[in-house]
Protein backbone atom coordinates (compact mmCIF):
# COMPACT_ATOMS: atom_id res chain seq x y z
CA UNK A 1 -17.52 -4.73 6.47
CA UNK A 2 -20.38 -6.76 7.83
CA UNK A 3 -18.50 -9.54 9.53
CA UNK A 4 -20.39 -12.95 11.05
CA UNK A 5 -23.56 -12.34 9.02
CA UNK A 6 -25.99 -15.10 9.83
CA UNK A 7 -28.81 -15.19 7.44
CA UNK A 8 -31.43 -17.10 9.73
CA UNK A 9 -31.14 -14.35 12.52
CA UNK A 10 -29.39 -11.23 11.29
CA UNK A 11 -31.43 -10.18 7.70
CA UNK A 12 -33.10 -6.90 9.40
CA UNK A 13 -30.19 -5.67 11.37
CA UNK A 14 -27.60 -6.44 8.49
CA UNK A 15 -29.94 -4.57 6.15
CA UNK A 16 -30.27 -1.62 8.60
CA UNK A 17 -26.32 -1.48 9.11
CA UNK A 18 -26.11 -1.20 5.29
CA UNK A 19 -28.95 1.70 5.30
CA UNK A 20 -26.98 3.52 7.84
CA UNK A 21 -23.58 3.34 5.78
CA UNK A 22 -25.33 4.40 2.77
CA UNK A 23 -27.14 7.29 4.47
CA UNK A 24 -24.44 8.32 6.52
CA UNK A 25 -21.71 8.53 3.98
CA UNK A 26 -20.01 5.35 3.38
CA UNK A 27 -19.44 4.48 -0.42
CA UNK A 28 -19.95 0.38 -0.35
CA UNK A 29 -20.53 -2.52 1.88
CA UNK A 30 -18.69 -5.69 2.10
CA UNK A 31 -21.11 -8.53 3.26
CA UNK A 32 -19.09 -11.66 4.56
CA UNK A 33 -21.47 -14.17 3.18
CA UNK A 34 -24.52 -14.26 0.94
CA UNK A 35 -28.12 -13.19 1.83
CA UNK A 36 -30.52 -12.67 -1.11
CA UNK A 37 -32.91 -10.63 1.15
CA UNK A 38 -30.14 -8.10 2.28
CA UNK A 39 -28.93 -7.75 -1.22
CA UNK A 40 -32.16 -7.22 -2.83
CA UNK A 41 -33.15 -4.82 0.12
CA UNK A 42 -30.23 -2.41 -0.18
CA UNK A 43 -30.01 -2.58 -3.74
CA UNK A 44 -33.76 -1.70 -3.92
CA UNK A 45 -33.06 1.33 -1.62
CA UNK A 46 -30.23 2.37 -3.61
CA UNK A 47 -32.04 2.41 -6.92
CA UNK A 48 -35.03 4.26 -5.37
CA UNK A 49 -33.15 6.78 -3.28
CA UNK A 50 -30.09 7.30 -5.57
CA UNK A 51 -26.41 7.55 -5.04
CA UNK A 52 -23.39 5.35 -5.99
CA UNK A 53 -23.50 2.97 -2.97
CA UNK A 54 -22.91 -0.35 -3.62
CA UNK A 55 -23.17 -4.04 -1.89
CA UNK A 56 -20.38 -6.70 -2.31
CA UNK A 57 -21.41 -9.83 -1.47
CA UNK A 58 -19.36 -13.02 -0.07
CA UNK A 59 -16.23 -11.19 0.79
CA UNK A 60 -13.71 -12.88 2.45
CA UNK A 61 -12.76 -10.70 5.61
CA UNK A 62 -9.32 -11.65 6.10
CA UNK A 63 -8.47 -11.22 2.49
CA UNK A 64 -10.41 -8.04 2.39
CA UNK A 65 -8.69 -6.46 5.28
CA UNK A 66 -5.13 -7.37 4.25
CA UNK A 67 -5.85 -6.06 0.68
CA UNK A 68 -7.15 -2.78 2.02
CA UNK A 69 -4.16 -2.30 4.40
CA UNK A 70 -1.32 -3.37 1.48
CA UNK A 71 -3.13 -0.56 -0.82
CA UNK A 72 -2.44 1.82 1.95
CA UNK A 73 -5.89 2.14 3.61
CA UNK A 74 -6.51 1.82 7.36
CA UNK A 75 -9.03 -0.43 9.34
CA UNK A 76 -11.37 0.68 12.00
CA UNK A 77 -13.12 -2.01 14.14
CA UNK A 78 -15.98 -1.23 15.95
CA UNK A 79 -16.16 -3.05 19.42
CA UNK A 80 -17.26 -2.05 22.98
CA UNK A 81 -13.83 -3.17 24.11
CA UNK A 82 -11.84 -0.79 22.07
CA UNK A 83 -10.45 2.84 22.65
CA UNK A 84 -13.41 5.25 23.47
CA UNK A 85 -14.34 7.21 20.17
CA UNK A 86 -13.47 10.78 21.31
CA UNK A 87 -10.01 9.92 22.53
CA UNK A 88 -9.14 8.57 18.99
CA UNK A 89 -11.50 10.19 16.24
CA UNK A 90 -9.15 13.17 15.55
CA UNK A 91 -6.32 10.75 14.48
CA UNK A 92 -8.61 8.43 12.39
CA UNK A 93 -9.96 11.39 10.43
CA UNK A 94 -6.28 12.04 9.41
CA UNK A 95 -6.91 8.71 7.15
CA UNK A 96 -8.35 9.10 3.66
CA UNK A 97 -9.47 5.39 3.20
CA UNK A 98 -11.19 3.73 5.96
CA UNK A 99 -12.63 0.21 6.23
CA UNK A 100 -15.35 -0.07 8.73
CA UNK A 101 -15.55 -3.42 10.31
CA UNK A 102 -18.79 -4.28 12.26
CA UNK A 103 -19.08 -7.59 13.61
CA UNK A 104 -22.30 -9.96 14.30
CA UNK A 105 -21.20 -13.10 15.96
CA UNK A 106 -17.91 -13.60 17.93
CA UNK A 107 -15.27 -11.39 15.87
CA UNK A 108 -11.88 -13.63 15.34
CA UNK A 109 -9.29 -12.38 17.80
CA UNK A 110 -7.01 -11.81 14.64
CA UNK A 111 -9.52 -8.96 13.37
CA UNK A 112 -8.19 -7.01 16.71
CA UNK A 113 -4.80 -7.24 15.76
CA UNK A 114 -5.36 -6.67 12.08
CA UNK A 115 -7.11 -3.22 13.02
CA UNK A 116 -5.38 -0.08 13.13
CA UNK A 117 -7.77 1.06 15.40
CA UNK A 118 -10.45 -0.68 17.81
CA UNK A 119 -12.82 1.70 18.64
CA UNK A 120 -15.47 1.59 21.21
CA UNK A 121 -18.71 4.04 20.76
CA UNK A 122 -19.42 3.85 24.51
CA UNK A 123 -18.74 0.65 26.78
CA UNK A 124 -22.43 -0.31 27.42
CA UNK A 125 -24.28 -2.91 25.35
CA UNK A 126 -26.23 -1.73 22.58
CA UNK A 127 -26.51 -1.93 18.57
CA UNK A 128 -23.78 -2.14 16.11
CA UNK A 129 -26.15 -0.04 14.02
CA UNK A 130 -26.20 2.69 16.67
CA UNK A 131 -22.32 2.25 16.84
CA UNK A 132 -22.02 2.68 13.25
CA UNK A 133 -24.18 5.60 12.87
CA UNK A 134 -22.48 7.50 15.71
CA UNK A 135 -19.10 6.83 14.50
CA UNK A 136 -19.96 8.13 10.90
CA UNK A 137 -21.45 10.98 12.38
CA UNK A 138 -18.21 11.83 14.34
CA UNK A 139 -16.26 11.06 11.39
CA UNK A 140 -17.84 13.34 9.04
CA UNK A 141 -18.62 16.24 11.80
CA UNK A 142 -22.22 15.92 10.81
CA UNK A 143 -21.83 16.96 7.26
CA UNK A 144 -22.71 13.68 5.65
CA UNK A 145 -26.35 14.80 6.87
CA UNK A 146 -26.28 17.29 3.87
CA UNK A 147 -25.12 15.15 1.47
CA UNK A 148 -27.06 14.98 -2.04
CA UNK A 149 -28.09 11.71 -3.70
CA UNK A 150 -28.41 12.00 -7.34
CA UNK A 151 -30.94 10.29 -9.21
CA UNK A 152 -33.48 9.20 -6.52
CA UNK A 153 -36.40 9.96 -4.17
CA UNK A 154 -35.65 13.07 -2.42
CA UNK A 155 -37.65 14.46 0.93
CA UNK A 156 -38.05 18.10 1.09
CA UNK A 157 -37.67 19.32 4.87
CA UNK A 158 -40.56 20.35 6.37
CA UNK A 159 -42.09 20.84 9.88
CA UNK A 160 -45.58 19.84 8.59
CA UNK A 161 -46.55 17.15 6.16
CA UNK A 162 -44.49 15.07 3.65
CA UNK A 163 -42.95 16.52 0.50
CA UNK A 164 -41.40 14.29 -2.02
CA UNK A 165 -39.52 15.12 -5.03
CA UNK A 166 -39.71 12.14 -7.68
CA UNK A 167 -36.97 11.18 -9.88
CA UNK A 168 -37.54 11.36 -13.81
CA UNK A 169 -37.74 7.83 -14.19
CA UNK A 170 -41.06 7.62 -11.81
CA UNK A 171 -44.82 7.92 -13.87
CA UNK A 172 -46.87 9.84 -11.98
CA UNK A 173 -51.04 9.88 -11.63
CA UNK A 174 -51.25 13.75 -11.61
CA UNK A 175 -54.54 13.93 -9.78
CA UNK A 176 -53.71 11.51 -6.95
CA UNK A 177 -49.86 12.10 -6.79
CA UNK A 178 -49.13 8.42 -7.07
CA UNK A 179 -46.22 6.53 -8.19
CA UNK A 180 -47.10 3.81 -10.97
CA UNK A 181 -44.38 1.04 -10.82
CA UNK A 182 -43.67 -2.42 -10.93
CA UNK A 183 -45.61 -2.65 -7.58
CA UNK A 184 -48.86 -1.00 -9.08
CA UNK A 185 -50.70 2.03 -8.18
CA UNK A 186 -49.32 2.93 -4.90
CA UNK A 187 -48.05 6.11 -3.04
CA UNK A 188 -44.58 6.89 -3.27
CA UNK A 189 -42.59 3.87 -1.66
CA UNK A 190 -39.07 4.05 -0.24
CA UNK A 191 -38.38 0.31 -0.39
CA UNK A 192 -38.14 0.03 3.33
CA UNK A 193 -40.19 -2.35 5.70
CA UNK A 194 -43.49 -0.89 6.32
CA UNK A 195 -42.56 -0.47 10.15
CA UNK A 196 -39.62 1.78 9.59
CA UNK A 197 -40.15 5.59 10.41
CA UNK A 198 -38.49 7.43 7.47
CA UNK A 199 -40.91 6.43 4.56
CA UNK A 200 -42.36 8.24 1.74
CA UNK A 201 -45.77 6.67 1.79
CA UNK A 202 -49.07 9.12 2.08
CA UNK A 203 -46.99 11.92 0.76
CA UNK A 204 -49.24 15.18 1.16
CA UNK A 205 -47.90 17.03 -1.70
CA UNK A 206 -45.83 15.71 -4.93
CA UNK A 207 -43.21 17.68 -6.30
CA UNK A 208 -42.53 16.92 -10.00
CA UNK A 209 -38.72 17.95 -10.45
CA UNK A 210 -35.29 17.27 -12.15
């Protein structure tokens, strides 16, 4: 759950919270508010890169937390003022259904009371994106890095160059290895901003598969 999103300030950081959540094993992002830019970016990433990740906008933070707990789930609130992650992660792993709350602006005091765990990923200032990534990696013990996302672009690990497997819905220019899409003739695009590191642009080798 992304709490306290401010559309005029948080478009990029909230988008990255969603991308990290998807890539590191979360099934859904609840956005407390509406932001067409964030919704379009995350839905486009899920469409291009596959998997079943979904975004639910305009969520009520209190209502969602109460419903989650009433259904038997437990809540983790990431905050630098919480218990140190190494001290509580083993206990958290015993929970089958976890709602992770990631704040932006000042978090209501009631969130601290409703959470089953207030967890600090270190006690120094950094980013909620970093906190979420580290928490999910510790939660899944690194297994999320081997997760397969069905139906989308796939990067083939390589020590040199860039290799991309394209899903069946992509039409390819066989000579140049370019994707023809609604965006025109272009190198395979990951749907992220141009300055993001993990892109499939300029792919050296195209692998037609699936």
